[in-house]
């Protein structure tokens, strides 16, 4: 399984990519199979990435159904955060990992200096950990794009979109943009930790979140892709080595780090005036190659890395 209900044979996964333009089918008005083609569509149609994705969705269902689905996904993400902030105790599984999100949440609520610059990342941290502590206890999460990386996108939308006056518009733009970037990873590489290691889970979630946030902040399509590229570039080689086979160590903190990294990648992309030396297509292909070369010990099997060096007690 490659995630999302898809399966692929070993032969398919090892087949080299002939070029960076892959067809996705004629059923949508704006088919694309690479970031290069997506950017060309945006330039040719004078549309944002979110607009391209939404127009394609319009070919599959009425607009109001798409809007309702986007809103539903966002609502479930935000509800998961609220549950994670409220539930205390120890996570199941035997590692005796204590839920930390509720304590940090109380501290932020009670601290009059919690909006100072040094503490801004704590908000991303607490939201991401809340989601992943819910995931670790069997709670309802949104695979974004996977369960193990489910905290990054919710944390970013909660902090930067959920309290805005134009909340609904921001959330939809974020989700459509992030989804478009996620399609590229799903089609051109993989979002499976068993295939790519954690770079295919937290790395992809970070890349999607960076793109969505950049779009919300007014980035043009090229800057959005730059944000996605920066986020993935600095997740390349990330291993999946969960202690005890549980999505707790290092997964919970890793989502918090991923959320912060996504925001930073979006800022770097917005402030950059130079042409990016590394394209999104190039970094996706690099991730794919790295994942194929990575030892199976570092791809969800808990046979290497932290999983064998951290004593369970």
Protein backbone atom coordinates (compact mmCIF):
# COMPACT_ATOMS: atom_id res chain seq x y z
CA UNK A 1 0.00 0.00 0.00
CA UNK A 2 1.24 3.48 -0.87
CA UNK A 3 -1.36 5.25 1.22
CA UNK A 4 -4.65 6.83 0.32
CA UNK A 5 -6.15 3.52 -0.77
CA UNK A 6 -3.61 2.99 -3.55
CA UNK A 7 -1.33 0.02 -4.12
CA UNK A 8 1.70 -0.45 -6.37
CA UNK A 9 3.96 -3.34 -7.30
CA UNK A 10 7.67 -3.35 -6.50
CA UNK A 11 8.37 -3.10 -10.23
CA UNK A 12 6.22 0.01 -10.53
CA UNK A 13 7.94 1.66 -7.59
CA UNK A 14 11.42 1.01 -8.97
CA UNK A 15 10.65 2.17 -12.50
CA UNK A 16 12.70 5.30 -13.28
CA UNK A 17 10.92 8.53 -14.12
CA UNK A 18 11.43 9.33 -17.80
CA UNK A 19 10.70 13.03 -17.48
CA UNK A 20 9.08 15.48 -15.10
CA UNK A 21 5.73 15.67 -16.87
CA UNK A 22 3.39 12.82 -15.99
CA UNK A 23 -0.22 12.71 -17.27
CA UNK A 24 -3.04 12.50 -14.74
CA UNK A 25 -5.87 11.84 -17.17
CA UNK A 26 -8.24 13.84 -19.37
CA UNK A 27 -11.13 14.04 -16.91
CA UNK A 28 -10.23 17.48 -15.53
CA UNK A 29 -9.81 20.81 -17.36
CA UNK A 30 -6.30 21.43 -16.02
CA UNK A 31 -4.41 18.12 -15.81
CA UNK A 32 -0.87 18.30 -14.47
CA UNK A 33 1.73 15.80 -13.41
CA UNK A 34 4.58 17.96 -12.21
CA UNK A 35 5.20 21.26 -10.49
CA UNK A 36 6.58 22.61 -13.76
CA UNK A 37 3.34 21.84 -15.53
CA UNK A 38 1.27 23.19 -12.65
CA UNK A 39 3.19 26.47 -12.72
CA UNK A 40 2.74 26.69 -16.49
CA UNK A 41 -1.01 26.28 -16.04
CA UNK A 42 -1.09 29.00 -13.40
CA UNK A 43 0.83 31.37 -15.66
CA UNK A 44 -1.17 30.57 -18.77
CA UNK A 45 -4.56 30.85 -17.09
CA UNK A 46 -3.58 33.62 -14.65
CA UNK A 47 -4.83 31.46 -11.79
CA UNK A 48 -3.49 30.51 -8.39
CA UNK A 49 -2.70 26.92 -7.48
CA UNK A 50 -5.85 26.84 -5.36
CA UNK A 51 -7.88 28.06 -8.35
CA UNK A 52 -6.45 25.32 -10.58
CA UNK A 53 -7.28 22.63 -8.05
CA UNK A 54 -10.76 24.01 -7.42
CA UNK A 55 -11.54 24.17 -11.15
CA UNK A 56 -10.48 20.55 -11.48
CA UNK A 57 -12.67 19.61 -8.53
CA UNK A 58 -15.58 21.39 -10.23
CA UNK A 59 -15.35 18.81 -13.02
CA UNK A 60 -16.03 16.04 -10.50
CA UNK A 61 -18.78 17.47 -8.29
CA UNK A 62 -20.80 20.65 -7.64
CA UNK A 63 -18.84 23.51 -6.07
CA UNK A 64 -20.93 23.51 -2.90
CA UNK A 65 -20.03 19.86 -2.27
CA UNK A 66 -16.34 20.64 -2.58
CA UNK A 67 -16.67 23.61 -0.24
CA UNK A 68 -18.56 21.49 2.28
CA UNK A 69 -15.91 18.77 2.12
CA UNK A 70 -13.09 21.27 2.67
CA UNK A 71 -14.94 22.79 5.61
CA UNK A 72 -15.61 19.35 7.07
CA UNK A 73 -11.92 18.38 6.91
CA UNK A 74 -10.90 21.64 8.58
CA UNK A 75 -13.57 21.22 11.27
CA UNK A 76 -12.37 17.71 12.12
CA UNK A 77 -8.77 18.93 12.30
CA UNK A 78 -9.65 21.77 14.64
CA UNK A 79 -11.88 19.56 16.80
CA UNK A 80 -9.01 17.11 17.17
CA UNK A 81 -6.81 19.91 18.46
CA UNK A 82 -9.41 20.90 21.05
CA UNK A 83 -9.70 17.33 22.32
CA UNK A 84 -5.94 16.97 22.49
CA UNK A 85 -5.60 20.18 24.48
CA UNK A 86 -8.11 18.98 27.06
CA UNK A 87 -7.18 15.34 27.59
CA UNK A 88 -4.54 14.61 30.20
CA UNK A 89 -2.87 11.41 31.28
CA UNK A 90 -0.47 8.82 29.90
CA UNK A 91 -0.58 7.49 26.36
CA UNK A 92 -1.27 3.76 25.91
CA UNK A 93 1.33 1.29 24.70
CA UNK A 94 3.76 0.85 27.56
CA UNK A 95 6.25 3.67 26.92
CA UNK A 96 4.67 5.75 29.70
CA UNK A 97 4.67 8.87 27.55
CA UNK A 98 2.68 11.59 29.27
CA UNK A 99 0.44 13.92 27.30
CA UNK A 100 2.19 17.31 27.29
CA UNK A 101 -0.15 19.43 25.18
CA UNK A 102 -2.63 20.21 28.02
CA UNK A 103 0.10 21.55 30.31
CA UNK A 104 1.67 23.70 27.61
CA UNK A 105 -1.79 24.95 26.62
CA UNK A 106 -2.54 26.04 30.19
CA UNK A 107 0.80 27.79 30.39
CA UNK A 108 0.16 29.70 27.17
CA UNK A 109 -3.34 30.65 28.27
CA UNK A 110 -2.13 31.94 31.63
CA UNK A 111 1.08 33.62 30.49
CA UNK A 112 0.54 37.34 29.71
CA UNK A 113 3.71 37.28 27.60
CA UNK A 114 2.54 34.39 25.42
CA UNK A 115 2.30 36.61 22.34
CA UNK A 116 5.91 37.70 22.54
CA UNK A 117 8.07 36.69 19.63
CA UNK A 118 10.05 34.09 21.55
CA UNK A 119 6.90 32.13 22.39
CA UNK A 120 5.06 32.25 19.07
CA UNK A 121 6.33 28.83 18.04
CA UNK A 122 4.92 27.38 21.25
CA UNK A 123 1.45 27.77 19.76
CA UNK A 124 2.43 25.66 16.76
CA UNK A 125 4.06 23.17 19.11
CA UNK A 126 1.03 22.77 21.33
CA UNK A 127 -1.44 22.37 18.47
CA UNK A 128 0.70 19.79 16.67
CA UNK A 129 1.35 17.79 19.83
CA UNK A 130 -2.35 17.87 20.71
CA UNK A 131 -3.22 16.18 17.41
CA UNK A 132 -0.48 13.59 17.58
CA UNK A 133 -1.23 12.73 21.18
CA UNK A 134 -4.79 12.10 20.04
CA UNK A 135 -3.46 9.94 17.22
CA UNK A 136 -1.25 7.99 19.63
CA UNK A 137 -4.29 7.21 21.77
CA UNK A 138 -6.51 6.09 18.90
CA UNK A 139 -8.46 9.33 18.57
CA UNK A 140 -9.99 10.69 15.38
CA UNK A 141 -7.50 12.51 13.16
CA UNK A 142 -7.31 13.55 9.52
CA UNK A 143 -4.61 11.79 7.52
CA UNK A 144 -2.73 14.83 6.26
CA UNK A 145 -1.26 13.08 4.39
CA UNK A 146 -0.78 10.25 6.94
CA UNK A 147 -1.67 9.50 10.55
CA UNK A 148 1.92 9.81 11.71
CA UNK A 149 2.14 13.31 10.23
CA UNK A 150 -1.40 14.35 11.09
CA UNK A 151 -0.48 17.25 13.37
CA UNK A 152 1.42 19.58 11.08
CA UNK A 153 -1.29 20.96 8.80
CA UNK A 154 -3.88 21.33 11.61
CA UNK A 155 -1.34 23.19 13.75
CA UNK A 156 -0.54 25.65 10.99
CA UNK A 157 -4.16 26.33 10.03
CA UNK A 158 -5.18 26.69 13.68
CA UNK A 159 -2.49 29.26 14.39
CA UNK A 160 -2.56 31.26 11.17
CA UNK A 161 -6.08 30.83 9.75
CA UNK A 162 -8.68 29.82 12.32
CA UNK A 163 -8.97 33.16 14.13
CA UNK A 164 -8.96 35.41 11.06
CA UNK A 165 -12.02 37.39 9.98
CA UNK A 166 -11.85 35.65 6.60
CA UNK A 167 -11.37 32.26 8.27
CA UNK A 168 -13.37 30.19 5.77
CA UNK A 169 -11.67 31.67 2.71
CA UNK A 170 -8.23 31.20 4.27
CA UNK A 171 -8.89 27.62 5.25
CA UNK A 172 -10.18 26.69 1.81
CA UNK A 173 -7.27 28.36 0.02
CA UNK A 174 -4.84 26.64 2.36
CA UNK A 175 -6.40 23.20 1.91
CA UNK A 176 -6.68 23.44 -1.87
CA UNK A 177 -3.09 24.61 -2.23
CA UNK A 178 -1.71 22.03 0.17
CA UNK A 179 -3.75 19.35 -1.56
CA UNK A 180 -2.34 20.31 -4.94
CA UNK A 181 1.20 19.95 -3.62
CA UNK A 182 0.29 16.67 -1.96
CA UNK A 183 -0.94 15.34 -5.31
CA UNK A 184 2.54 15.86 -6.74
CA UNK A 185 4.17 13.82 -3.99
CA UNK A 186 1.54 11.09 -4.25
CA UNK A 187 1.91 10.84 -8.01
CA UNK A 188 5.64 11.33 -8.44
CA UNK A 189 6.96 9.62 -5.30
CA UNK A 190 5.07 8.30 -2.26
CA UNK A 191 3.54 9.40 1.02
CA UNK A 192 4.21 6.08 2.70
CA UNK A 193 6.67 5.84 5.57
CA UNK A 194 7.18 2.18 4.69
CA UNK A 195 8.53 3.27 1.31
CA UNK A 196 10.11 6.66 1.91
CA UNK A 197 10.83 6.82 5.62
CA UNK A 198 9.55 9.79 7.60
CA UNK A 199 10.53 12.19 4.82
CA UNK A 200 7.48 10.80 3.00
CA UNK A 201 5.21 11.54 5.95
CA UNK A 202 6.38 14.45 8.09
CA UNK A 203 8.45 15.79 5.18
CA UNK A 204 5.49 15.82 2.81
CA UNK A 205 3.14 17.25 5.46
CA UNK A 206 5.65 20.01 6.16
CA UNK A 207 5.94 20.75 2.44
CA UNK A 208 2.16 20.84 2.00
CA UNK A 209 1.73 23.09 5.03
CA UNK A 210 4.44 25.48 3.86
CA UNK A 211 2.75 25.78 0.49
CA UNK A 212 -0.69 26.34 1.98
CA UNK A 213 0.57 28.97 4.40
CA UNK A 214 2.51 30.79 1.70
CA UNK A 215 -0.67 30.94 -0.39
CA UNK A 216 -2.66 32.34 2.55
CA UNK A 217 0.04 34.96 3.02
CA UNK A 218 -0.34 36.10 -0.59
CA UNK A 219 2.49 34.25 -2.31
CA UNK A 220 2.40 33.79 -6.06
CA UNK A 221 2.43 30.23 -7.49
CA UNK A 222 6.21 30.18 -7.89
CA UNK A 223 6.71 31.28 -4.30
CA UNK A 224 4.24 28.64 -3.14
CA UNK A 225 6.26 25.94 -4.90
CA UNK A 226 9.45 27.43 -3.48
CA UNK A 227 8.00 27.16 0.02
CA UNK A 228 7.08 23.53 -0.59
CA UNK A 229 10.57 22.84 -1.94
CA UNK A 230 12.36 24.49 0.98
CA UNK A 231 10.32 22.50 3.48
CA UNK A 232 11.10 19.18 1.82
CA UNK A 233 14.74 20.00 1.11
CA UNK A 234 15.36 20.17 4.83
CA UNK A 235 13.51 16.95 5.57
CA UNK A 236 15.39 14.80 3.05
CA UNK A 237 16.66 11.58 4.56
CA UNK A 238 14.38 11.75 7.59
CA UNK A 239 14.02 8.24 8.99
CA UNK A 240 10.98 6.49 10.41
CA UNK A 241 12.23 4.64 13.49
CA UNK A 242 9.43 4.72 16.09
CA UNK A 243 10.38 3.40 19.50
CA UNK A 244 8.41 0.28 20.28
CA UNK A 245 6.62 0.59 16.95
CA UNK A 246 4.35 3.24 18.47
CA UNK A 247 3.60 6.67 16.98
CA UNK A 248 4.90 8.45 20.07
CA UNK A 249 8.71 8.74 20.12
CA UNK A 250 9.85 10.62 18.06
CA UNK A 251 6.60 11.16 16.16
CA UNK A 252 4.80 13.59 18.47
CA UNK A 253 7.65 16.09 18.82
CA UNK A 254 8.57 15.60 15.17
CA UNK A 255 5.19 16.99 14.14
CA UNK A 256 5.77 20.04 16.33
CA UNK A 257 9.14 20.60 14.68
CA UNK A 258 7.54 20.07 11.27
CA UNK A 259 4.90 22.74 11.90
CA UNK A 260 7.53 25.29 12.91
CA UNK A 261 9.66 24.35 9.92
CA UNK A 262 6.68 24.81 7.58
CA UNK A 263 6.11 28.36 8.79
CA UNK A 264 9.79 29.16 8.40
CA UNK A 265 9.88 27.71 4.88
CA UNK A 266 6.91 29.87 3.88
CA UNK A 267 8.64 32.98 5.24
CA UNK A 268 11.89 32.18 3.46
CA UNK A 269 10.05 31.73 0.18
CA UNK A 270 8.17 35.01 0.54
CA UNK A 271 11.32 36.96 1.34
CA UNK A 272 13.46 35.44 -1.41
CA UNK A 273 14.13 37.61 -4.46
CA UNK A 274 16.46 35.21 -6.26
CA UNK A 275 15.47 32.41 -8.60
CA UNK A 276 15.35 29.14 -6.68
CA UNK A 277 18.29 26.89 -7.53
CA UNK A 278 16.36 23.76 -6.60
CA UNK A 279 12.91 23.15 -8.08
CA UNK A 280 10.04 21.37 -6.39
CA UNK A 281 10.15 18.63 -9.02
CA UNK A 282 13.83 18.08 -8.33
CA UNK A 283 13.37 17.79 -4.58
CA UNK A 284 10.43 15.39 -4.99
CA UNK A 285 12.54 13.16 -7.21
CA UNK A 286 15.40 13.42 -4.73
CA UNK A 287 13.06 12.32 -1.96
CA UNK A 288 11.92 9.36 -4.05
CA UNK A 289 15.47 8.26 -4.81
CA UNK A 290 16.52 8.71 -1.19
CA UNK A 291 13.58 6.64 -0.01
CA UNK A 292 14.35 3.84 -2.45
CA UNK A 293 17.99 3.79 -1.29
CA UNK A 294 17.11 3.93 2.42
CA UNK A 295 17.54 0.74 4.42
CA UNK A 296 14.32 -0.94 5.46
CA UNK A 297 15.55 -0.59 9.06
CA UNK A 298 14.57 3.08 8.85
CA UNK A 299 11.18 2.67 7.19
CA UNK A 300 8.57 1.88 9.87
CA UNK A 301 10.08 -1.46 10.86
CA UNK A 302 11.55 -0.26 14.19
CA UNK A 303 14.69 -2.27 13.41
CA UNK A 304 17.12 0.64 13.49
CA UNK A 305 17.74 4.17 14.70
CA UNK A 306 16.00 5.36 17.85
CA UNK A 307 13.93 2.20 17.94
CA UNK A 308 16.97 0.09 18.87
CA UNK A 309 18.91 2.69 20.84
CA UNK A 310 16.18 3.88 23.22
CA UNK A 311 15.49 1.40 26.00
CA UNK A 312 11.79 0.75 26.53
CA UNK A 313 10.87 1.09 30.17
